[in-house]
Amino acid sequence: MTGRIAPGADGLPGQVDVLVVGLGVTGAGVALDAASRGLTVAAVEAHDVAWGTSRFSSKLVHGGLRYLAKLQLGVAHESAVERGILMQRTAPHLTHALPFLIPLTPAMTRTQEVLALAGIRTGDLLRLCARTSRETLPRPRRIGVTETLTLAPAVRHEGLRGGILTWDGQLEDDARLVLCIARTAASRGAHVRTRTRVLDASGTAATLRDERTGETRTIRARVVVNATGVWADRLAPGIRLQPSRGSHLVVRASSLPHVRCGLMAPVPGHGDRYAFTLPQPDDTVYIGLTDEPVDDVPDVPAVPQADVDFLLAVVNDALESRLTEDDVVGSYAGLRPLLAAGGATADLSRRHAVLVSDAGPSKGVVTVVGGKLTTYRRMAEDAVDRAVQLAGLTAGPCRTRRLPLLGAAARPELQRLSAPPRLVRRFGTEAALVLATARSATGLSDESLLAPASGTVPVTLAELVFGVTHEGAASVDDLLDRRTRVGLVDEDREAAVPLAERALALARV
C-alpha cells in the first residue's frame, strides 16, 4: 500500500478502535503506532497535516544538550535516544548530521567557553548512551581560527580565538516528516483525513464536520486520543497549558556567504541559551529562536518586532558584517504546548504528559501534550499504551522503534538511487514513485516535471502533483505552506503560485 491522505470525511468508517484528533507530528505518530499494533484507526484534522506547531520548528532533531544544563536528565536521554532512532532507523532519508559552530569571539567569555566545551562533551556521552554511531554524528572538538573561518567566513574576525565544533541532527523539513508519518499510518490501514473538524468528543465518540461540505456525522471509537497541541484544552477542558512562542527569521544564504554550518551565538545573561543560524537545503537560512510566553493562541502566530530585534541583535554579536531587517525575507513562529507550572516558559520541562479527562462531556478522552518534535514517537507510544489500557483493547506491542517510515533506507542505499537528488532528499526510495505518479497524472516529460519553479524556488511540478494525489493537498496554500516551504518567503510564493495551480488542475483531471 502506498498510503494516501484524503481531504474530507468521505469514506470514514462509523466505528474504530482509536480516533485520533489532530494531525501534527504527535497525532500522526499516534495514528501510526496504533495502526501498526493491529488496531483500527481514524485520524482527523480540522485544517491540514502539520497545520500548527509541527511545521514551525527549527527543523532540528535535538540530542537533548540544553536539557542537561537544566538537570532534566530524563528528557535529555530520551531526546538523544529518539534522535538516534530517527536518524538511523525510521527516517534516515529525511535527516542528516548538521555541524554546529560556537565561534569563540570576545562576546564569549573564557568561563562560557569552558562550560560550552564541557556541555558538548557531555552531549557526546549522551550520543554514546543512546547508541548512535560515530558515522551518524561525528565527534565534537575545539578548532582553531583558520578552520573556524573556513567553515564560517561570516563570523567576527577581531579577537577570534577559534571555535567549538559539534554535531546534531537536522530534518529536510519538519512538515515533510509529519506527512511521511501520516502516510505510513495510512499504509498500515489508518483512515487519515484532513478538513474534518471535531465539534465535540467524549471518551467513546465524536461529532465530525466535513469542512468542505458542512455535513456533520458521528463516529464511535473504543477510545479517543486528543493530540491537538496548544489547542488541547478546547477538546479537554481542565488541562492547563502555558504556550511558549518560538520565533524564527528567514534570510537568503547570500546574506551569510559561504557559511557551511549552523552558528550558535550566546544569549547575553543566559549561560545555556543560544541563538542559531540554520542553513537550509533551498539556499535560505533560518535564524532562531525565542522562548516567550503567550496568552492568546491564534491559528497561525505572527512574529512580533521585539523578536526580530532580539534575534538580529544576538546573532550580530558573532558576525563580521551585521544583518539588518532588509536581509529578512520571511519569518515564522510556533507555539510550544507546555504544561503550566509557573515561572518562565524557558524553564518549563519539555517532558510530555498523557492525561485522561475524568469529568464532564470529555470524560475518558486521552490527551497527550508537552514534549517536542524529536520525541514524537515516544509520546505516541505512551499515549497508545494508556489508550489500550483504558479501553481494554487487544493490541500488539509497540513496533515504531524499528518501523521504517515510507521511503526510508540506509544512507548507502539512498546514495545509490538514480532519481533526482531533490526528490531523494524529500521522498527517499519513493522518489521514483513521485516521478511515475506525475508522469501518469499529467502525461508530461521528465524535463517539464523536474524543472524548478524559478531561479530561487527549487520546487518541482512532480512533487506538487504527488502532494495532491497522495498527500491530501487541496489548495495552493497546502502545497506551498505544508508540502513545501515556499510560502515562508512572499517573493518565492508569488513565483510558485502558477506551478501550484497547474499541479492542482492536472492532478484532478
Protein backbone atom coordinates (compact mmCIF):
# COMPACT_ATOMS: atom_id res chain seq x y z
CA MET A 1 0.00 0.00 0.00
CA THR A 2 1.35 3.45 -0.92
CA GLY A 3 -0.56 5.28 1.83
CA ARG A 4 -2.84 8.15 0.88
CA ILE A 5 -4.16 11.09 2.86
CA ALA A 6 -7.54 12.47 1.79
CA PRO A 7 -9.40 15.74 2.46
CA GLY A 8 -12.87 15.47 3.98
CA ALA A 9 -14.81 12.88 5.95
CA ASP A 10 -15.97 10.78 2.98
CA GLY A 11 -15.23 7.11 3.45
CA LEU A 12 -14.60 7.22 7.19
CA PRO A 13 -15.97 4.14 8.99
CA GLY A 14 -18.70 4.57 11.57
CA GLN A 15 -16.68 2.88 14.29
CA VAL A 16 -12.98 2.35 15.03
CA ASP A 17 -10.82 1.23 17.90
CA VAL A 18 -8.95 4.56 18.13
CA LEU A 19 -9.97 8.03 16.97
CA VAL A 20 -7.04 10.46 16.86
CA VAL A 21 -7.81 14.17 16.84
CA GLY A 22 -5.03 16.31 15.39
CA LEU A 23 -2.51 15.61 12.63
CA GLY A 24 0.60 17.34 13.84
CA VAL A 25 3.63 15.17 14.47
CA THR A 26 2.18 13.70 17.69
CA GLY A 27 -1.22 12.87 16.23
CA ALA A 28 0.33 11.33 13.12
CA GLY A 29 2.65 9.35 15.42
CA VAL A 30 -0.29 8.09 17.50
CA ALA A 31 -2.12 7.01 14.33
CA LEU A 32 0.94 5.08 13.11
CA ASP A 33 1.62 3.47 16.48
CA ALA A 34 -1.98 2.33 16.91
CA ALA A 35 -2.36 1.07 13.33
CA SER A 36 0.93 -0.83 13.49
CA ARG A 37 -0.36 -2.67 16.59
CA GLY A 38 -3.30 -4.00 14.57
CA LEU A 39 -5.92 -1.54 15.79
CA THR A 40 -8.47 0.16 13.54
CA VAL A 41 -7.72 3.87 13.42
CA ALA A 42 -9.22 7.11 12.15
CA ALA A 43 -7.09 10.27 12.39
CA VAL A 44 -8.71 13.62 11.61
CA GLU A 45 -7.56 17.23 11.36
CA ALA A 46 -9.68 20.37 11.05
CA HIS A 47 -7.22 22.07 8.70
CA ASP A 48 -4.29 20.27 7.08
CA VAL A 49 -1.48 17.93 8.06
CA ALA A 50 1.21 19.80 10.05
CA TRP A 51 -1.02 22.87 10.22
CA GLY A 52 0.13 24.04 13.67
CA THR A 53 3.31 23.88 15.71
CA SER A 54 4.84 20.93 13.84
CA ARG A 55 5.66 22.99 10.75
CA PHE A 56 7.09 25.89 12.74
CA SER A 57 10.02 24.17 14.46
CA SER A 58 13.75 24.77 13.97
CA LYS A 59 13.81 21.66 11.74
CA LEU A 60 16.30 20.04 14.11
CA VAL A 61 16.45 16.57 15.65
CA HIS A 62 17.78 17.55 19.07
CA GLY A 63 20.07 15.43 21.20
CA GLY A 64 18.94 16.97 24.48
CA LEU A 65 22.03 19.01 25.36
CA ARG A 66 20.07 22.01 26.57
CA TYR A 67 18.03 19.87 28.95
CA LEU A 68 21.18 18.59 30.64
CA ALA A 69 22.04 22.16 31.60
CA LYS A 70 18.69 22.37 33.38
CA LEU A 71 19.28 18.94 35.01
CA GLN A 72 16.34 17.45 33.10
CA LEU A 73 18.31 14.22 32.73
CA GLY A 74 15.40 12.01 31.72
CA VAL A 75 14.30 14.41 28.98
CA ALA A 76 17.89 14.75 27.72
CA HIS A 77 18.41 10.99 27.49
CA GLU A 78 15.01 10.41 25.86
CA SER A 79 15.77 13.09 23.28
CA ALA A 80 19.16 11.54 22.43
CA VAL A 81 17.61 8.08 22.08
CA GLU A 82 14.81 9.31 19.82
CA ARG A 83 17.28 11.30 17.71
CA GLY A 84 19.22 8.11 17.06
CA ILE A 85 16.07 6.17 16.15
CA LEU A 86 15.04 8.83 13.62
CA MET A 87 18.47 9.23 12.05
CA GLN A 88 19.49 5.56 11.91
CA ARG A 89 16.30 3.50 11.64
CA THR A 90 13.00 5.18 10.91
CA ALA A 91 13.81 8.26 8.80
CA PRO A 92 17.43 8.42 7.56
CA HIS A 93 16.07 9.75 4.25
CA LEU A 94 14.68 12.87 5.95
CA THR A 95 17.56 13.53 8.37
CA HIS A 96 21.26 14.30 8.24
CA ALA A 97 24.05 15.43 10.54
CA LEU A 98 24.48 19.21 10.76
CA PRO A 99 27.74 20.71 12.05
CA PHE A 100 27.29 23.49 14.60
CA LEU A 101 29.96 26.08 15.33
CA ILE A 102 30.24 28.16 18.50
CA PRO A 103 32.68 30.91 17.45
CA LEU A 104 34.88 31.98 20.32
CA THR A 105 34.54 35.73 19.83
CA PRO A 106 35.18 38.36 22.54
CA ALA A 107 31.44 38.11 23.36
CA MET A 108 32.12 34.51 24.51
CA THR A 109 33.93 34.66 27.86
CA ARG A 110 36.54 32.10 28.90
CA THR A 111 34.13 30.77 31.50
CA GLN A 112 31.44 30.32 28.86
CA GLU A 113 33.99 28.58 26.66
CA VAL A 114 34.85 26.07 29.39
CA LEU A 115 31.18 25.44 30.12
CA ALA A 116 30.38 25.05 26.42
CA LEU A 117 33.20 22.52 25.94
CA ALA A 118 32.03 20.56 28.97
CA GLY A 119 28.48 20.66 27.61
CA ILE A 120 29.26 19.31 24.17
CA ARG A 121 31.43 16.54 25.64
CA THR A 122 28.53 15.57 27.89
CA GLY A 123 26.30 15.70 24.83
CA ASP A 124 28.64 13.27 23.09
CA LEU A 125 28.32 10.97 26.09
CA LEU A 126 24.54 11.14 25.60
CA ARG A 127 25.10 10.08 21.98
CA LEU A 128 27.13 7.10 23.19
CA CYS A 129 24.49 6.12 25.78
CA ALA A 130 21.83 6.33 23.07
CA ARG A 131 23.94 4.02 20.86
CA THR A 132 24.07 6.49 17.99
CA SER A 133 27.06 5.68 15.81
CA ARG A 134 30.03 7.96 15.20
CA GLU A 135 29.27 7.66 11.47
CA THR A 136 25.89 9.27 12.11
CA LEU A 137 27.17 12.06 14.40
CA PRO A 138 30.92 12.84 14.32
CA ARG A 139 32.99 13.69 17.38
CA PRO A 140 32.77 17.27 18.72
CA ARG A 141 36.04 19.18 19.19
CA ARG A 142 37.65 22.56 19.66
CA ILE A 143 39.06 24.01 16.44
CA GLY A 144 41.47 26.81 15.60
CA VAL A 145 40.94 30.18 13.96
CA THR A 146 41.75 29.00 10.43
CA GLU A 147 39.30 26.11 10.48
CA THR A 148 36.66 28.31 12.10
CA LEU A 149 36.91 30.89 9.31
CA THR A 150 36.92 28.15 6.67
CA LEU A 151 33.64 26.79 7.99
CA ALA A 152 32.09 30.22 8.58
CA PRO A 153 33.84 33.19 6.96
CA ALA A 154 31.00 35.43 8.15
CA VAL A 155 31.95 35.23 11.85
CA ARG A 156 33.60 38.18 13.55
CA HIS A 157 37.36 38.14 12.92
CA GLU A 158 38.62 40.56 15.56
CA GLY A 159 39.58 38.78 18.76
CA LEU A 160 38.52 35.36 17.41
CA ARG A 161 40.09 32.52 19.43
CA GLY A 162 38.81 29.66 17.31
CA GLY A 163 35.60 27.74 17.77
CA ILE A 164 33.83 24.73 19.23
CA LEU A 165 32.52 22.32 16.61
CA THR A 166 29.72 19.93 17.46
CA TRP A 167 27.00 18.00 15.60
CA ASP A 168 23.28 17.45 15.85
CA GLY A 169 20.50 16.15 13.60
CA GLN A 170 18.66 18.24 11.03
CA LEU A 171 15.44 17.48 9.18
CA GLU A 172 14.98 18.03 5.49
CA ASP A 173 11.66 19.58 6.56
CA ASP A 174 9.51 19.15 9.66
CA ALA A 175 6.20 19.24 7.75
CA ARG A 176 7.54 16.58 5.38
CA LEU A 177 8.32 14.34 8.36
CA VAL A 178 4.72 14.70 9.58
CA LEU A 179 3.37 13.91 6.12
CA CYS A 180 5.60 10.86 5.92
CA ILE A 181 4.42 9.58 9.32
CA ALA A 182 0.77 10.17 8.38
CA ARG A 183 1.16 8.38 5.04
CA THR A 184 2.94 5.49 6.75
CA ALA A 185 -0.04 5.24 9.13
CA ALA A 186 -2.36 5.20 6.11
CA SER A 187 -0.27 2.45 4.51
CA ARG A 188 -0.89 0.43 7.68
CA GLY A 189 -4.64 0.83 7.34
CA ALA A 190 -5.37 4.07 9.22
CA HIS A 191 -8.02 6.38 7.77
CA VAL A 192 -6.25 9.75 7.61
CA ARG A 193 -8.47 12.75 6.84
CA THR A 194 -7.88 16.50 6.71
CA ARG A 195 -10.60 19.20 6.54
CA THR A 196 -12.51 17.18 9.16
CA ARG A 197 -13.25 19.13 12.34
CA VAL A 198 -14.20 17.56 15.67
CA LEU A 199 -17.04 19.64 17.13
CA ASP A 200 -17.22 17.71 20.39
CA ALA A 201 -15.85 14.47 21.79
CA SER A 202 -16.33 12.06 24.65
CA GLY A 203 -14.14 9.12 25.50
CA THR A 204 -16.02 6.91 23.02
CA ALA A 205 -17.47 9.13 20.28
CA ALA A 206 -17.09 12.41 18.42
CA THR A 207 -19.15 14.66 16.20
CA LEU A 208 -17.30 15.47 12.98
CA ARG A 209 -17.92 18.20 10.43
CA ASP A 210 -16.61 17.99 6.88
CA GLU A 211 -15.16 21.47 6.37
CA ARG A 212 -15.63 21.23 2.60
CA THR A 213 -19.35 20.40 2.62
CA GLY A 214 -20.51 21.41 6.09
CA GLU A 215 -22.03 17.96 6.66
CA THR A 216 -21.82 16.50 10.17
CA ARG A 217 -21.68 12.91 11.36
CA THR A 218 -20.88 10.86 14.44
CA ILE A 219 -18.02 8.41 14.68
CA ARG A 220 -17.74 5.94 17.53
CA ALA A 221 -14.48 4.68 18.99
CA ARG A 222 -13.30 2.48 21.81
CA VAL A 223 -11.05 5.39 22.81
CA VAL A 224 -10.43 8.98 21.66
CA VAL A 225 -6.92 10.48 21.72
CA ASN A 226 -6.58 14.27 21.81
CA ALA A 227 -3.35 15.30 20.07
CA THR A 228 -4.23 18.90 19.24
CA GLY A 229 -1.21 20.52 20.89
CA VAL A 230 -1.74 24.10 22.06
CA TRP A 231 -5.46 23.69 21.37
CA ALA A 232 -5.78 20.60 23.62
CA ASP A 233 -7.78 22.39 26.31
CA ARG A 234 -10.55 23.16 23.82
CA LEU A 235 -11.31 19.47 23.43
CA ALA A 236 -10.47 18.54 27.02
CA PRO A 237 -11.29 21.46 29.34
CA GLY A 238 -9.37 21.42 32.59
CA ILE A 239 -5.94 20.94 31.04
CA ARG A 240 -3.75 23.93 31.92
CA LEU A 241 -1.26 24.92 29.25
CA GLN A 242 1.30 27.70 29.18
CA PRO A 243 2.19 28.09 25.49
CA SER A 244 5.56 29.49 24.55
CA ARG A 245 6.37 31.24 21.26
CA GLY A 246 9.45 30.24 19.31
CA SER A 247 10.14 32.76 16.54
CA HIS A 248 12.42 32.37 13.52
CA LEU A 249 13.60 34.71 10.78
CA VAL A 250 14.35 33.67 7.19
CA VAL A 251 17.26 35.17 5.24
CA ARG A 252 18.86 34.22 1.94
CA ALA A 253 22.04 32.16 2.12
CA SER A 254 23.77 35.03 0.29
CA SER A 255 23.35 37.14 3.46
CA LEU A 256 25.74 34.73 5.22
CA PRO A 257 28.05 33.84 2.33
CA HIS A 258 29.97 30.55 2.34
CA VAL A 259 28.77 29.52 5.81
CA ARG A 260 28.74 25.70 5.77
CA CYS A 261 27.41 25.03 9.26
CA GLY A 262 24.95 26.18 11.87
CA LEU A 263 26.18 29.02 14.04
CA MET A 264 25.46 29.32 17.76
CA ALA A 265 25.61 32.76 19.40
CA PRO A 266 25.19 33.01 23.19
CA VAL A 267 22.24 34.98 24.53
CA PRO A 268 23.67 37.61 26.91
CA GLY A 269 22.93 36.81 30.52
CA HIS A 270 21.91 33.20 29.80
CA GLY A 271 24.73 30.68 30.02
CA ASP A 272 22.73 27.84 28.44
CA ARG A 273 20.80 29.73 25.74
CA TYR A 274 21.92 30.39 22.18
CA ALA A 275 20.51 31.89 19.02
CA PHE A 276 21.09 29.75 15.94
CA THR A 277 21.63 30.32 12.25
CA LEU A 278 20.45 27.19 10.46
CA PRO A 279 21.31 26.65 6.77
CA GLN A 280 18.51 25.06 4.74
CA PRO A 281 18.71 22.99 1.55
CA ASP A 282 16.87 25.66 -0.51
CA ASP A 283 19.52 28.39 -0.13
CA THR A 284 17.84 30.05 2.81
CA VAL A 285 18.94 30.31 6.44
CA TYR A 286 16.66 30.26 9.47
CA ILE A 287 17.58 32.36 12.50
CA GLY A 288 16.04 31.40 15.83
CA LEU A 289 14.88 31.04 18.43
CA THR A 290 12.88 32.83 21.08
CA ASP A 291 11.07 31.45 24.11
CA GLU A 292 8.32 33.86 25.16
CA PRO A 293 5.06 33.11 26.99
CA VAL A 294 1.81 33.86 25.14
CA ASP A 295 -1.76 34.13 26.32
CA ASP A 296 -3.67 34.05 23.01
CA VAL A 297 -3.43 31.03 20.70
CA PRO A 298 -4.09 32.06 17.08
CA ASP A 299 -4.23 29.55 14.25
CA VAL A 300 -1.03 30.99 12.77
CA PRO A 301 1.06 33.11 15.19
CA ALA A 302 2.94 36.15 13.94
CA VAL A 303 6.50 37.16 14.77
CA PRO A 304 6.48 40.43 16.76
CA GLN A 305 9.00 43.18 16.12
CA ALA A 306 10.58 42.57 19.53
CA ASP A 307 11.54 39.03 18.47
CA VAL A 308 13.05 40.31 15.21
CA ASP A 309 15.15 42.84 17.10
CA PHE A 310 16.24 40.27 19.69
CA LEU A 311 17.34 37.62 17.20
CA LEU A 312 19.25 40.04 14.99
CA ALA A 313 20.99 41.60 17.98
CA VAL A 314 22.16 38.26 19.40
CA VAL A 315 23.36 36.83 16.08
CA ASN A 316 25.08 40.06 15.03
CA ASP A 317 27.35 39.84 18.08
CA ALA A 318 29.00 36.86 16.38
CA LEU A 319 29.15 38.23 12.81
CA GLU A 320 31.69 40.32 10.91
CA SER A 321 29.00 42.13 8.89
CA ARG A 322 25.73 42.90 10.61
CA LEU A 323 22.44 41.56 9.33
CA THR A 324 19.64 44.12 9.08
CA GLU A 325 15.89 43.88 8.64
CA ASP A 326 16.47 44.33 4.90
CA ASP A 327 18.09 40.87 4.92
CA VAL A 328 14.98 39.27 6.45
CA VAL A 329 12.81 37.85 3.63
CA GLY A 330 10.39 35.88 5.81
CA SER A 331 9.56 34.78 9.33
CA TYR A 332 7.52 32.22 11.24
CA ALA A 333 6.62 31.35 14.82
CA GLY A 334 5.44 28.18 16.54
CA LEU A 335 3.72 27.72 19.89
CA ARG A 336 5.05 25.02 22.22
CA PRO A 337 2.25 23.18 24.11
CA LEU A 338 3.89 23.30 27.55
CA LEU A 339 2.09 22.22 30.68
CA ALA A 340 1.55 25.14 33.04
CA ALA A 341 3.75 25.10 36.12
CA GLY A 342 4.52 28.74 36.84
CA GLY A 343 7.75 30.61 36.18
CA ALA A 344 9.39 31.42 32.84
CA THR A 345 8.47 29.23 29.87
CA ALA A 346 12.17 28.75 29.08
CA ASP A 347 12.47 26.89 32.39
CA LEU A 348 9.45 24.61 31.93
CA SER A 349 10.19 20.96 31.35
CA ARG A 350 9.83 19.62 27.81
CA ARG A 351 8.69 16.28 29.22
CA HIS A 352 5.39 15.15 27.77
CA ALA A 353 2.35 14.02 29.71
CA VAL A 354 -0.55 11.66 28.97
CA LEU A 355 -3.72 12.71 30.79
CA VAL A 356 -7.23 11.26 30.95
CA SER A 357 -10.24 13.54 31.43
CA ASP A 358 -12.15 12.38 34.48
CA ALA A 359 -15.27 14.55 34.34
CA GLY A 360 -17.60 16.48 32.07
CA PRO A 361 -18.52 15.82 28.42
CA SER A 362 -14.92 14.91 27.57
CA LYS A 363 -14.67 12.22 30.28
CA GLY A 364 -12.43 9.39 29.12
CA VAL A 365 -10.60 11.38 26.42
CA VAL A 366 -6.86 10.62 26.43
CA THR A 367 -4.78 13.78 25.89
CA VAL A 368 -1.08 13.88 25.09
CA VAL A 369 0.68 17.25 25.48
CA GLY A 370 4.13 18.72 26.08
CA GLY A 371 7.24 17.16 24.60
CA LYS A 372 8.85 18.22 21.34
CA LEU A 373 9.15 17.12 17.74
CA THR A 374 12.21 14.90 18.30
CA THR A 375 10.39 12.76 20.86
CA TYR A 376 7.10 12.40 18.98
CA ARG A 377 7.48 8.63 18.66
CA ARG A 378 7.86 8.08 22.40
CA MET A 379 4.95 10.43 23.09
CA ALA A 380 2.79 8.42 20.71
CA GLU A 381 3.88 5.13 22.27
CA ASP A 382 2.96 6.32 25.76
CA ALA A 383 -0.39 7.69 24.56
CA VAL A 384 -1.35 4.46 22.82
CA ASP A 385 -0.22 2.36 25.80
CA ARG A 386 -2.56 4.40 28.01
CA ALA A 387 -5.41 4.26 25.48
CA VAL A 388 -5.11 0.49 25.10
CA GLN A 389 -5.11 0.04 28.87
CA LEU A 390 -8.03 2.41 29.41
CA ALA A 391 -10.26 0.86 26.74
CA GLY A 392 -9.22 -2.75 27.34
CA LEU A 393 -8.14 -3.15 23.71
CA THR A 394 -6.40 -6.23 22.39
CA ALA A 395 -3.30 -4.90 20.69
CA GLY A 396 0.21 -5.96 19.85
CA PRO A 397 3.32 -4.33 21.34
CA CYS A 398 4.67 -1.02 20.10
CA ARG A 399 6.58 -1.52 16.84
CA THR A 400 7.57 2.02 15.88
CA ARG A 401 11.06 1.90 17.38
CA ARG A 402 12.15 -0.23 14.42
CA LEU A 403 9.43 0.53 11.86
CA PRO A 404 10.85 2.48 8.87
CA LEU A 405 8.73 5.29 7.52
CA LEU A 406 7.78 5.26 3.84
CA GLY A 407 10.86 6.00 1.74
CA ALA A 408 13.35 5.10 4.46
CA ALA A 409 16.55 3.20 3.66
CA ALA A 410 20.14 3.03 4.82
CA ARG A 411 22.19 6.01 3.68
CA PRO A 412 24.41 4.00 1.28
CA GLU A 413 21.26 2.73 -0.47
CA LEU A 414 19.85 6.25 -0.72
CA GLN A 415 23.11 7.46 -2.24
CA ARG A 416 22.88 4.78 -4.95
CA LEU A 417 19.40 5.80 -6.11
CA SER A 418 19.34 7.17 -9.66
CA ALA A 419 16.40 9.53 -9.05
CA PRO A 420 16.84 13.33 -8.93
CA PRO A 421 18.68 14.37 -5.73
CA ARG A 422 15.93 16.75 -4.56
CA LEU A 423 13.32 14.00 -4.76
CA VAL A 424 15.60 11.54 -2.95
CA ARG A 425 16.15 14.07 -0.15
CA ARG A 426 12.43 14.63 0.28
CA PHE A 427 10.98 11.19 -0.51
CA GLY A 428 13.80 8.67 -0.19
CA THR A 429 13.12 5.41 -2.03
CA GLU A 430 9.72 6.77 -3.06
CA ALA A 431 11.39 9.27 -5.40
CA ALA A 432 10.69 7.01 -8.38
CA LEU A 433 7.03 6.70 -7.30
CA VAL A 434 6.73 10.50 -7.14
CA LEU A 435 8.03 10.89 -10.68
CA ALA A 436 5.99 7.97 -12.06
CA THR A 437 2.82 9.34 -10.44
CA ALA A 438 3.40 12.76 -12.01
CA ARG A 439 4.04 11.22 -15.43
CA SER A 440 0.82 9.21 -15.21
CA ALA A 441 -1.28 12.13 -13.95
CA THR A 442 -0.01 14.73 -16.42
CA GLY A 443 1.46 12.97 -19.46
CA LEU A 444 4.35 15.44 -19.32
CA SER A 445 8.04 14.76 -19.88
CA ASP A 446 10.50 14.38 -17.03
CA GLU A 447 12.14 17.62 -18.14
CA SER A 448 8.89 19.52 -17.55
CA LEU A 449 8.11 17.72 -14.31
CA LEU A 450 11.54 18.36 -12.78
CA ALA A 451 12.09 21.97 -13.86
CA PRO A 452 12.34 24.33 -10.84
CA ALA A 453 9.58 26.88 -10.35
CA SER A 454 12.11 29.73 -10.62
CA GLY A 455 15.75 30.58 -10.05
CA THR A 456 15.17 30.91 -6.31
CA VAL A 457 12.43 28.28 -5.92
CA PRO A 458 13.69 24.71 -6.49
CA VAL A 459 10.25 23.10 -6.02
CA THR A 460 9.13 20.97 -8.98
CA LEU A 461 5.81 20.10 -10.60
CA ALA A 462 6.42 16.40 -9.90
CA GLU A 463 6.41 16.82 -6.12
CA LEU A 464 3.43 19.19 -6.20
CA VAL A 465 1.36 16.69 -8.21
CA PHE A 466 2.28 13.98 -5.70
CA GLY A 467 1.16 16.34 -2.95
CA VAL A 468 -2.32 16.29 -4.48
CA THR A 469 -2.54 12.60 -5.43
CA HIS A 470 -1.04 11.04 -2.29
CA GLU A 471 -0.66 13.69 0.42
CA GLY A 472 -4.14 15.21 0.55
CA ALA A 473 -3.25 18.71 -0.69
CA ALA A 474 -6.43 20.53 -1.71
CA SER A 475 -5.25 24.11 -2.24
CA VAL A 476 -2.32 26.28 -3.26
CA ASP A 477 -1.68 27.01 0.42
CA ASP A 478 -1.47 23.28 1.19
CA LEU A 479 1.18 22.87 -1.50
CA LEU A 480 3.26 25.95 -0.76
CA ASP A 481 2.98 26.08 3.04
CA ARG A 482 2.97 22.41 4.11
CA ARG A 483 4.02 20.14 1.21
CA THR A 484 6.87 22.56 0.55
CA ARG A 485 8.07 25.64 2.48
CA VAL A 486 7.93 28.08 -0.42
CA GLY A 487 5.29 30.14 1.37
CA LEU A 488 7.74 31.34 4.02
CA VAL A 489 9.08 33.91 1.55
CA ASP A 490 6.46 36.12 -0.15
CA GLU A 491 8.57 36.66 -3.26
CA ASP A 492 9.06 32.91 -3.69
CA ARG A 493 5.38 32.20 -3.06
CA GLU A 494 4.40 34.60 -5.84
CA ALA A 495 6.79 32.85 -8.23
CA ALA A 496 5.48 29.39 -7.34
CA VAL A 497 1.72 30.02 -7.35
CA PRO A 498 1.28 29.30 -11.09
CA LEU A 499 3.06 25.95 -10.75
CA ALA A 500 0.94 25.01 -7.72
CA GLU A 501 -2.25 25.94 -9.59
CA ARG A 502 -1.10 23.85 -12.53
CA ALA A 503 -0.44 20.85 -10.26
CA LEU A 504 -3.92 21.07 -8.76
CA ALA A 505 -5.53 21.27 -12.20
CA LEU A 506 -3.51 18.42 -13.70
CA ALA A 507 -3.80 16.05 -10.74
CA ARG A 508 -7.58 16.45 -10.57
CA VAL A 509 -8.21 15.70 -14.26
